[in-house]
Protein backbone atom coordinates (compact mmCIF):
# COMPACT_ATOMS: atom_id res chain seq x y z
CA MET A 1 0.23 0.09 -0.05
CA ASN A 2 2.87 2.28 0.36
CA GLY A 3 2.50 4.96 -2.13
CA GLY A 4 0.40 2.96 -4.20
CA TYR A 5 -3.09 5.00 -3.78
CA GLN A 6 -4.02 6.84 -7.08
CA ARG A 7 -6.66 9.03 -6.80
CA MET A 8 -8.46 12.08 -8.94
CA CYS A 9 -10.35 14.20 -6.66
CA GLU A 10 -11.08 17.86 -7.87
CA GLU A 11 -12.84 20.66 -5.94
CA PHE A 12 -14.77 23.23 -7.48
CA VAL A 13 -17.42 26.00 -6.53
CA LEU A 14 -20.95 27.02 -8.27
CA SER A 15 -21.75 30.49 -9.19
CA ASN A 16 -23.75 30.67 -6.04
CA GLY A 17 -20.94 29.54 -3.68
CA LEU A 18 -21.73 25.86 -3.16
CA ARG A 19 -18.81 23.58 -2.86
CA VAL A 20 -18.22 20.75 -5.24
CA VAL A 21 -15.81 18.01 -4.74
CA ALA A 22 -15.40 15.23 -7.16
CA GLU A 23 -13.49 11.90 -7.48
CA TYR A 24 -13.59 10.15 -11.01
CA ILE A 25 -13.04 6.65 -10.75
CA PRO A 26 -13.43 5.04 -14.24
CA HIS A 27 -13.54 1.30 -13.45
CA PHE A 28 -16.36 1.94 -11.16
CA PRO A 29 -19.78 1.04 -12.91
CA SER A 30 -21.88 3.03 -10.24
CA VAL A 31 -21.67 6.83 -9.37
CA SER A 32 -22.61 8.05 -5.94
CA VAL A 33 -23.72 11.74 -5.35
CA GLY A 34 -24.41 13.43 -2.23
CA LEU A 35 -25.61 16.75 -0.85
CA TRP A 36 -23.88 17.50 2.43
CA ILE A 37 -25.50 20.18 5.02
CA GLY A 38 -23.96 21.57 7.81
CA ALA A 39 -27.24 20.87 9.94
CA GLY A 40 -27.42 18.51 12.93
CA SER A 41 -27.81 18.21 16.70
CA MET A 42 -24.42 19.79 17.30
CA TYR A 43 -25.87 23.04 15.78
CA GLU A 44 -29.34 23.13 17.28
CA THR A 45 -30.42 25.14 20.29
CA GLU A 46 -32.20 23.37 23.01
CA ALA A 47 -35.60 24.60 21.50
CA GLU A 48 -34.55 23.27 17.96
CA ASN A 49 -33.42 19.62 19.39
CA GLY A 50 -34.40 17.14 16.66
CA LEU A 51 -35.27 19.67 14.06
CA SER A 52 -32.26 18.36 11.69
CA HIS A 53 -33.85 15.09 11.72
CA PHE A 54 -37.27 16.15 11.16
CA VAL A 55 -36.18 18.47 8.26
CA GLU A 56 -34.63 15.30 6.70
CA HIS A 57 -37.59 13.32 6.97
CA MET A 58 -39.99 16.23 5.76
CA LEU A 59 -37.63 16.63 2.58
CA PHE A 60 -38.80 13.01 1.13
CA LYS A 61 -42.45 14.10 1.26
CA SER A 62 -43.94 16.06 -1.76
CA THR A 63 -42.48 18.91 -3.84
CA GLU A 64 -43.50 21.57 -6.14
CA HIS A 65 -42.82 19.46 -8.92
CA ARG A 66 -43.49 15.86 -7.34
CA THR A 67 -46.18 14.33 -5.16
CA THR A 68 -44.85 11.88 -2.44
CA LYS A 69 -45.72 8.95 -4.22
CA GLU A 70 -44.17 10.08 -7.71
CA ILE A 71 -41.08 10.73 -5.52
CA ALA A 72 -41.17 7.02 -4.16
CA VAL A 73 -41.98 5.65 -7.78
CA GLU A 74 -38.93 7.65 -9.25
CA MET A 75 -36.51 6.32 -6.46
CA ASP A 76 -37.60 2.87 -7.35
CA ALA A 77 -37.30 3.48 -11.13
CA ILE A 78 -33.57 4.95 -10.75
CA GLY A 79 -32.62 1.58 -9.02
CA GLY A 80 -29.74 1.40 -6.37
CA GLN A 81 -30.02 3.69 -3.46
CA VAL A 82 -31.70 6.96 -2.95
CA ASN A 83 -31.69 7.95 0.79
CA ALA A 84 -30.67 10.29 3.59
CA PHE A 85 -29.04 10.50 7.15
CA THR A 86 -28.83 12.72 10.07
CA ALA A 87 -25.82 12.99 12.05
CA LYS A 88 -24.53 15.25 15.06
CA GLU A 89 -22.80 17.35 12.57
CA CYS A 90 -24.26 17.03 9.52
CA THR A 91 -27.19 15.85 7.22
CA CYS A 92 -26.77 14.06 3.85
CA TYR A 93 -28.97 13.48 1.05
CA TYR A 94 -27.60 10.89 -1.36
CA ALA A 95 -28.14 8.38 -4.22
CA LYS A 96 -26.00 5.59 -5.77
CA VAL A 97 -26.87 4.87 -9.22
CA ILE A 98 -25.57 3.55 -12.48
CA ALA A 99 -23.89 6.09 -14.57
CA GLU A 100 -26.52 6.44 -16.96
CA HIS A 101 -29.08 7.48 -14.32
CA LEU A 102 -27.04 10.48 -12.71
CA GLU A 103 -28.98 13.19 -14.12
CA ARG A 104 -32.56 11.66 -12.97
CA ALA A 105 -30.57 11.21 -9.35
CA MET A 106 -29.65 14.85 -9.47
CA SER A 107 -33.00 16.01 -10.52
CA LEU A 108 -34.39 14.18 -7.67
CA LEU A 109 -32.20 15.26 -4.90
CA SER A 110 -32.09 18.97 -6.08
CA ASP A 111 -35.85 18.92 -6.07
CA LEU A 112 -36.12 17.49 -2.39
CA LEU A 113 -33.59 20.02 -1.01
CA LEU A 114 -35.11 23.16 -2.96
CA HIS A 115 -38.60 22.62 -3.63
CA ALA A 116 -39.99 20.58 -0.55
CA ARG A 117 -43.63 21.77 0.06
CA MET A 118 -43.33 21.15 3.75
CA ASP A 119 -47.02 20.35 3.83
CA GLU A 120 -49.03 20.68 6.98
CA ALA A 121 -50.82 17.52 6.65
CA GLU A 122 -47.61 15.60 5.92
CA PHE A 123 -45.89 17.43 8.82
CA GLU A 124 -48.42 15.92 11.24
CA LYS A 125 -48.09 12.68 9.77
CA GLU A 126 -44.28 12.73 10.08
CA ARG A 127 -44.29 14.10 13.47
CA GLY A 128 -46.08 10.74 14.38
CA VAL A 129 -43.51 8.69 12.62
CA ILE A 130 -40.73 10.29 14.55
CA LEU A 131 -42.36 9.98 17.90
CA GLU A 132 -42.58 6.18 17.11
CA GLU A 133 -38.86 6.25 16.10
CA ILE A 134 -38.04 7.94 19.45
CA ALA A 135 -40.29 5.53 21.27
CA MET A 136 -38.44 2.64 19.38
CA CYS A 137 -34.79 4.04 20.59
CA GLU A 138 -36.28 4.05 24.04
CA ASP A 139 -37.18 0.24 23.83
CA THR A 140 -33.62 -0.47 22.42
CA PRO A 141 -31.44 -0.24 25.38
CA GLU A 142 -28.12 -0.03 23.49
CA ASP A 143 -29.51 3.16 21.62
CA LEU A 144 -30.87 4.75 25.14
CA VAL A 145 -27.52 4.10 26.77
CA TYR A 146 -25.47 5.91 24.20
CA ASP A 147 -28.17 8.80 24.76
CA LEU A 148 -27.59 8.85 28.12
CA LEU A 149 -23.68 8.59 27.85
CA ALA A 150 -23.83 11.62 25.49
CA GLU A 151 -25.57 13.64 28.32
CA ALA A 152 -23.39 12.57 31.02
CA TYR A 153 -20.24 13.48 29.01
CA PHE A 154 -21.24 16.32 27.47
CA GLY A 155 -23.80 18.09 30.02
CA ASP A 156 -25.61 21.02 28.69
CA HIS A 157 -23.47 21.40 25.21
CA PRO A 158 -25.66 20.42 22.10
CA LEU A 159 -23.53 17.27 21.50
CA SER A 160 -25.46 15.93 24.44
CA ARG A 161 -28.82 16.14 22.88
CA PRO A 162 -30.10 13.39 20.89
CA ILE A 163 -30.35 13.26 17.09
CA LEU A 164 -34.10 12.47 17.12
CA GLY A 165 -34.89 15.01 19.86
CA THR A 166 -37.33 14.35 22.64
CA HIS A 167 -40.64 13.28 22.91
CA ASP A 168 -42.07 16.74 23.89
CA GLN A 169 -39.99 18.52 21.89
CA ILE A 170 -41.01 16.98 18.76
CA ALA A 171 -44.76 16.69 19.82
CA SER A 172 -44.80 20.53 20.64
CA VAL A 173 -42.86 21.59 17.70
CA THR A 174 -44.68 23.66 15.06
CA ARG A 175 -44.25 23.74 10.98
CA GLU A 176 -43.29 27.19 11.33
CA ALA A 177 -40.47 26.50 13.54
CA LEU A 178 -39.36 23.57 11.22
CA ILE A 179 -39.38 25.97 8.25
CA ALA A 180 -37.64 28.80 9.98
CA PHE A 181 -34.93 26.07 11.11
CA ARG A 182 -34.57 24.93 7.48
CA ARG A 183 -34.04 28.48 5.98
CA LYS A 184 -31.27 29.20 8.69
CA HIS A 185 -29.00 26.04 8.07
CA TYR A 186 -30.25 24.99 4.29
CA ARG A 187 -27.68 27.43 2.46
CA PRO A 188 -25.54 27.06 -0.53
CA ASP A 189 -22.35 28.31 1.65
CA ASN A 190 -23.50 25.67 4.23
CA THR A 191 -23.61 22.89 1.67
CA VAL A 192 -21.15 20.49 -0.12
CA LEU A 193 -22.09 18.48 -3.30
CA ALA A 194 -19.89 15.13 -3.51
CA ILE A 195 -19.52 12.96 -6.29
CA ALA A 196 -17.49 9.72 -6.62
CA GLY A 197 -17.60 7.10 -9.52
CA GLN A 198 -17.97 7.04 -13.13
CA PHE A 199 -19.00 10.50 -14.56
CA ASP A 200 -17.96 13.16 -17.19
CA ARG A 201 -16.76 16.12 -15.17
CA ASP A 202 -17.80 18.81 -17.40
CA ALA A 203 -21.27 17.46 -18.02
CA PHE A 204 -21.71 16.99 -14.22
CA LEU A 205 -20.65 20.67 -13.43
CA ALA A 206 -22.85 21.75 -16.21
CA MET A 207 -25.41 19.62 -14.34
CA ALA A 208 -24.93 21.01 -11.20
CA GLU A 209 -25.16 24.58 -12.18
CA ARG A 210 -28.45 23.84 -13.98
CA TYR A 211 -29.89 22.45 -10.88
CA LEU A 212 -28.24 24.23 -8.11
CA SER A 213 -26.78 27.79 -9.07
CA GLY A 214 -30.20 29.30 -8.60
CA TRP A 215 -30.14 28.61 -4.97
CA GLN A 216 -29.69 31.77 -2.67
CA ALA A 217 -30.10 32.07 0.91
CA PRO A 218 -28.98 34.84 3.67
CA GLY A 219 -27.05 34.06 6.80
CA ALA A 220 -23.94 32.79 7.65
CA ALA A 221 -22.84 29.18 8.77
CA GLN A 222 -22.83 28.64 12.49
CA GLU A 223 -19.41 27.74 14.54
CA ALA A 224 -19.60 24.63 16.74
CA GLN A 225 -19.61 25.69 20.42
CA PRO A 226 -16.51 24.93 22.37
CA VAL A 227 -16.95 21.50 24.51
CA ARG A 228 -16.03 21.21 28.00
CA ALA A 229 -16.45 17.37 29.09
CA CYS A 230 -18.49 16.54 32.16
CA GLY A 231 -15.97 13.96 34.13
CA GLY A 232 -16.99 11.67 36.85
CA ARG A 233 -21.02 12.16 35.94
CA VAL A 234 -22.73 8.97 35.85
CA LEU A 235 -26.47 8.71 34.48
CA THR A 236 -28.53 5.38 34.80
CA ARG A 237 -32.06 4.15 33.73
CA ARG A 238 -33.82 1.39 35.74
CA LYS A 239 -35.43 -0.90 32.96
CA ASP A 240 -36.86 -4.41 33.53
CA ILE A 241 -34.70 -6.26 30.72
CA GLU A 242 -32.51 -9.14 30.73
CA GLN A 243 -29.26 -7.22 30.20
CA VAL A 244 -27.45 -4.47 31.67
CA HIS A 245 -25.76 -2.01 29.27
CA VAL A 246 -22.88 -0.34 30.45
CA CYS A 247 -20.86 2.59 28.64
CA LEU A 248 -17.51 4.41 29.64
CA SER A 249 -16.71 7.61 27.76
CA TYR A 250 -13.03 9.14 27.85
CA PRO A 251 -11.54 12.26 25.85
CA GLY A 252 -10.36 11.14 22.65
CA ALA A 253 -9.14 13.32 19.64
CA ALA A 254 -10.97 15.79 17.37
CA GLN A 255 -10.92 14.98 13.49
CA ASP A 256 -7.91 17.02 12.56
CA ALA A 257 -6.05 16.15 15.64
CA ASP A 258 -2.48 14.30 15.45
CA ASP A 259 -3.64 12.27 18.15
CA LEU A 260 -6.43 10.62 16.17
CA TYR A 261 -4.29 8.17 14.51
CA PRO A 262 -2.37 6.82 17.63
CA LEU A 263 -5.78 6.96 19.36
CA THR A 264 -7.43 4.72 16.57
CA VAL A 265 -4.52 2.04 16.69
CA MET A 266 -4.75 1.94 20.35
CA ASN A 267 -8.40 1.28 20.16
CA ASN A 268 -8.06 -1.46 17.79
CA LEU A 269 -5.91 -3.40 20.12
CA PHE A 270 -8.07 -2.71 23.17
CA GLY A 271 -11.61 -3.08 22.04
CA GLY A 272 -11.83 -2.73 18.50
CA GLY A 273 -12.30 -6.51 17.23
CA MET A 274 -12.28 -10.25 18.27
CA SER A 275 -8.73 -10.03 18.93
CA SER A 276 -8.93 -7.14 21.04
CA ARG A 277 -8.01 -7.21 24.93
CA LEU A 278 -11.58 -6.59 25.96
CA PHE A 279 -13.01 -9.23 23.71
CA GLN A 280 -10.54 -11.78 24.59
CA HIS A 281 -10.73 -11.23 28.26
CA ILE A 282 -14.48 -10.23 28.86
CA ARG A 283 -15.98 -12.66 26.41
CA GLU A 284 -13.49 -15.45 25.86
CA GLU A 285 -11.67 -15.84 29.21
CA MET A 286 -14.51 -14.74 31.69
CA GLY A 287 -17.73 -15.50 29.25
CA ALA A 288 -19.39 -12.45 30.84
CA ALA A 289 -20.55 -10.53 27.86
CA TYR A 290 -21.87 -11.63 24.54
CA SER A 291 -20.95 -7.93 23.11
CA VAL A 292 -18.13 -5.90 24.48
CA TYR A 293 -16.00 -3.21 22.23
CA SER A 294 -14.57 0.31 22.20
CA TYR A 295 -14.77 2.86 19.55
CA PRO A 296 -13.47 6.49 18.94
CA SER A 297 -15.59 9.18 18.02
CA ALA A 298 -14.13 12.72 16.21
CA TYR A 299 -15.94 15.66 16.05
CA ALA A 300 -14.83 19.13 14.79
CA ASN A 301 -13.69 20.35 18.10
CA CYS A 302 -13.52 17.28 20.30
CA GLY A 303 -13.34 13.56 20.36
CA THR A 304 -14.20 10.66 22.54
CA LEU A 305 -13.54 7.03 23.59
CA THR A 306 -16.21 5.01 24.14
CA ILE A 307 -16.30 1.31 25.79
CA TYR A 308 -19.42 -0.45 26.00
CA ALA A 309 -20.26 -3.81 27.56
CA GLY A 310 -23.61 -5.63 27.38
CA THR A 311 -23.89 -8.46 30.22
CA SER A 312 -26.43 -10.03 32.87
CA PRO A 313 -27.49 -8.27 36.02
CA GLU A 314 -25.74 -10.90 37.77
CA THR A 315 -22.26 -10.19 36.18
CA ALA A 316 -22.73 -6.56 35.83
CA GLN A 317 -20.57 -5.46 38.59
CA PRO A 318 -17.65 -8.10 37.48
CA VAL A 319 -17.55 -6.80 34.10
CA ILE A 320 -17.40 -3.28 34.85
CA ASP A 321 -14.72 -4.12 37.29
CA ALA A 322 -12.93 -6.08 34.33
CA LEU A 323 -13.12 -3.16 32.21
CA HIS A 324 -11.30 -0.46 34.82
CA ALA A 325 -8.77 -3.54 35.29
CA GLN A 326 -8.05 -3.86 31.70
CA ILE A 327 -7.82 -0.21 31.43
CA ARG A 328 -5.25 -0.08 34.43
CA ARG A 329 -3.17 -2.91 33.06
CA LEU A 330 -2.90 -1.22 29.32
CA VAL A 331 -1.83 1.98 31.08
CA GLU A 332 0.65 0.37 33.59
CA ASP A 333 2.30 -2.34 31.37
CA GLY A 334 2.01 -0.70 27.64
CA VAL A 335 1.64 -2.66 24.37
CA THR A 336 3.32 -5.50 23.04
CA GLY A 337 4.99 -5.28 19.83
CA GLU A 338 3.25 -7.74 18.17
CA GLU A 339 -0.20 -6.51 19.26
CA PHE A 340 0.69 -2.87 17.97
CA ALA A 341 2.01 -3.99 14.61
CA MET A 342 -1.32 -6.21 13.97
CA ALA A 343 -3.61 -3.08 15.11
CA LYS A 344 -1.78 -0.84 12.95
CA GLU A 345 -1.86 -3.15 9.99
CA GLN A 346 -5.61 -4.17 10.68
CA LEU A 347 -6.44 -0.32 10.69
CA LYS A 348 -4.66 0.41 7.49
CA VAL A 349 -6.18 -2.35 5.53
CA SER A 350 -9.80 -2.14 6.97
CA TYR A 351 -9.46 1.56 5.71
CA VAL A 352 -8.36 0.89 2.46
CA LEU A 353 -11.08 -1.87 1.87
CA GLY A 354 -13.64 0.46 3.24
CA LEU A 355 -12.99 2.59 0.24
CA GLU A 356 -13.95 -0.01 -2.15
CA SER A 357 -17.35 1.42 -3.54
CA SER A 358 -18.52 4.71 -5.12
CA SER A 359 -20.65 5.49 -1.84
CA SER A 360 -17.67 5.21 0.43
CA ARG A 361 -15.75 7.43 -1.65
CA MET A 362 -18.42 10.13 -1.85
CA SER A 363 -18.86 10.00 1.97
CA ALA A 364 -15.23 10.19 2.53
CA ILE A 365 -14.48 13.56 0.31
CA GLY A 366 -17.95 14.91 1.17
CA ARG A 367 -17.90 14.86 4.93
CA SER A 368 -14.41 15.83 4.94
CA LYS A 369 -14.99 18.83 2.64
CA LEU A 370 -18.05 20.18 4.61
CA LEU A 371 -16.60 19.37 8.29
CA ARG A 372 -12.61 20.04 7.45
CA ASN A 373 -13.15 22.24 4.46
CA ARG A 374 -10.58 19.80 2.57
CA ALA A 375 -11.54 16.51 0.63
CA VAL A 376 -9.58 13.81 2.61
CA ASP A 377 -6.60 12.15 0.68
CA PRO A 378 -6.64 8.43 1.26
CA GLN A 379 -3.01 8.22 0.49
CA GLU A 380 -2.32 10.71 3.24
CA VAL A 381 -4.61 9.00 5.77
CA VAL A 382 -2.45 5.48 5.05
CA GLU A 383 0.86 7.70 5.40
CA LYS A 384 -0.42 8.94 8.63
CA ILE A 385 -1.76 5.45 10.05
CA GLU A 386 2.06 4.07 9.06
CA ALA A 387 3.57 6.81 10.62
CA VAL A 388 2.09 6.11 14.16
CA THR A 389 4.88 4.44 16.46
CA ARG A 390 4.25 2.35 19.65
CA ALA A 391 5.54 5.46 21.64
CA ASP A 392 2.79 7.42 20.14
CA VAL A 393 0.25 4.79 21.04
CA GLU A 394 1.50 4.74 24.65
CA ARG A 395 1.50 8.51 25.13
CA VAL A 396 -1.86 8.92 23.99
CA MET A 397 -3.55 6.38 25.80
CA ARG A 398 -1.99 7.45 29.07
CA ARG A 399 -3.58 10.90 28.31
CA VAL A 400 -7.01 9.45 27.54
CA PHE A 401 -7.00 7.19 30.61
CA ALA A 402 -5.55 10.03 32.99
CA ALA A 403 -8.55 11.86 32.54
CA PRO A 404 -12.07 11.65 34.42
CA CYS A 405 -14.60 9.32 32.39
CA ALA A 406 -18.11 9.75 32.34
CA ALA A 407 -20.60 6.70 32.48
CA ALA A 408 -24.07 5.53 31.77
CA ALA A 409 -26.08 2.24 32.40
CA VAL A 410 -29.54 0.91 31.47
CA GLY A 411 -31.08 -2.10 33.02
CA ARG A 412 -32.19 -3.79 36.42
CA ASP A 413 -30.89 -2.33 39.61
CA VAL A 414 -28.37 -0.38 37.70
CA ASP A 415 -28.45 2.45 40.13
CA LYS A 416 -26.87 0.20 42.83
CA LEU A 417 -23.66 -0.54 40.38
CA LYS A 418 -20.36 0.95 41.30
CA ILE A 419 -19.64 2.13 37.73
CA LEU A 420 -16.83 4.69 38.32
């Protein structure tokens, strides 16, 4: 993989200021295109919580040119995938199609983005759908424990709030508030158009100008608020369920931080896979959990390292104690040369293999351009992974685990557990 990754990624700006990032991959039979909006729960006020996700739902309802059914029929007619998702830092509307259907996909995506009617009757229907989605999350302990963990770690920062919003907030929000939120965040200067796969560059740029250059909106992009972690806080929710779900969260690394790659290598050997220390000790040796893992999350101005375990109420405290014991062992004894080399190679290979589709390439360059204002270069990522040393990993892990952590637990009698 050394020096072997070739790419043809270009960046453009439409006449209205909308940024375009394009990666031509001639040997792919498909093309993926996405509109990335700087709207997510990280940029919502408390009164706006859940509105990024609500807007995403509403844009798939009727437009000025298509009924709700016509949108669904056209999505099926295109084939491939046409969908959207909302995250903490962004909302993305995307399509993956064969090359000959690119213009149809662009026509549909731009119509959803620019001409959604936000009809009152559809608004009320979708409110019901989202309330059911929130209820489903409440009934899914692994989702619920992550929401509690975010609240425990981030306190009153917007990152603490659930992407879906709360039941009370969604039940009371007005259509006018939703329209105002969309107007504030959906602007050309807060949007990136990304494309990857097989396409004609000049034809695509002309297409983008035709569909999107007339889009004008006032305002300026919103900056992310500074983050202050709430170490030492524990939130629990008693539920009469068969398992106890436990999470710990430590300070990690932001998206552009130098520590991100050593942290990710460390995570791989600690809790990132079946050969990791957490999996081998808690599942294989103790037989105390079916699911146990760790993962890093990176945002624009902060990051976290999260540890999760799902176990029985009877073994919950031993599993929690084992998690802390494994952390102490890692910090005190460091990492072996063998596990370091394997974790680094695993990270590099999984990253490269993860780019073997037009949709993953589009997501990589689109998200990076929106959140970091530059399209990520895969060769640069590989080089940064290869440059990580064992000393880097041990320095970062000591920094991470020296900080106070936050925790959350869901299940029976979780308020009686000693988690920290």
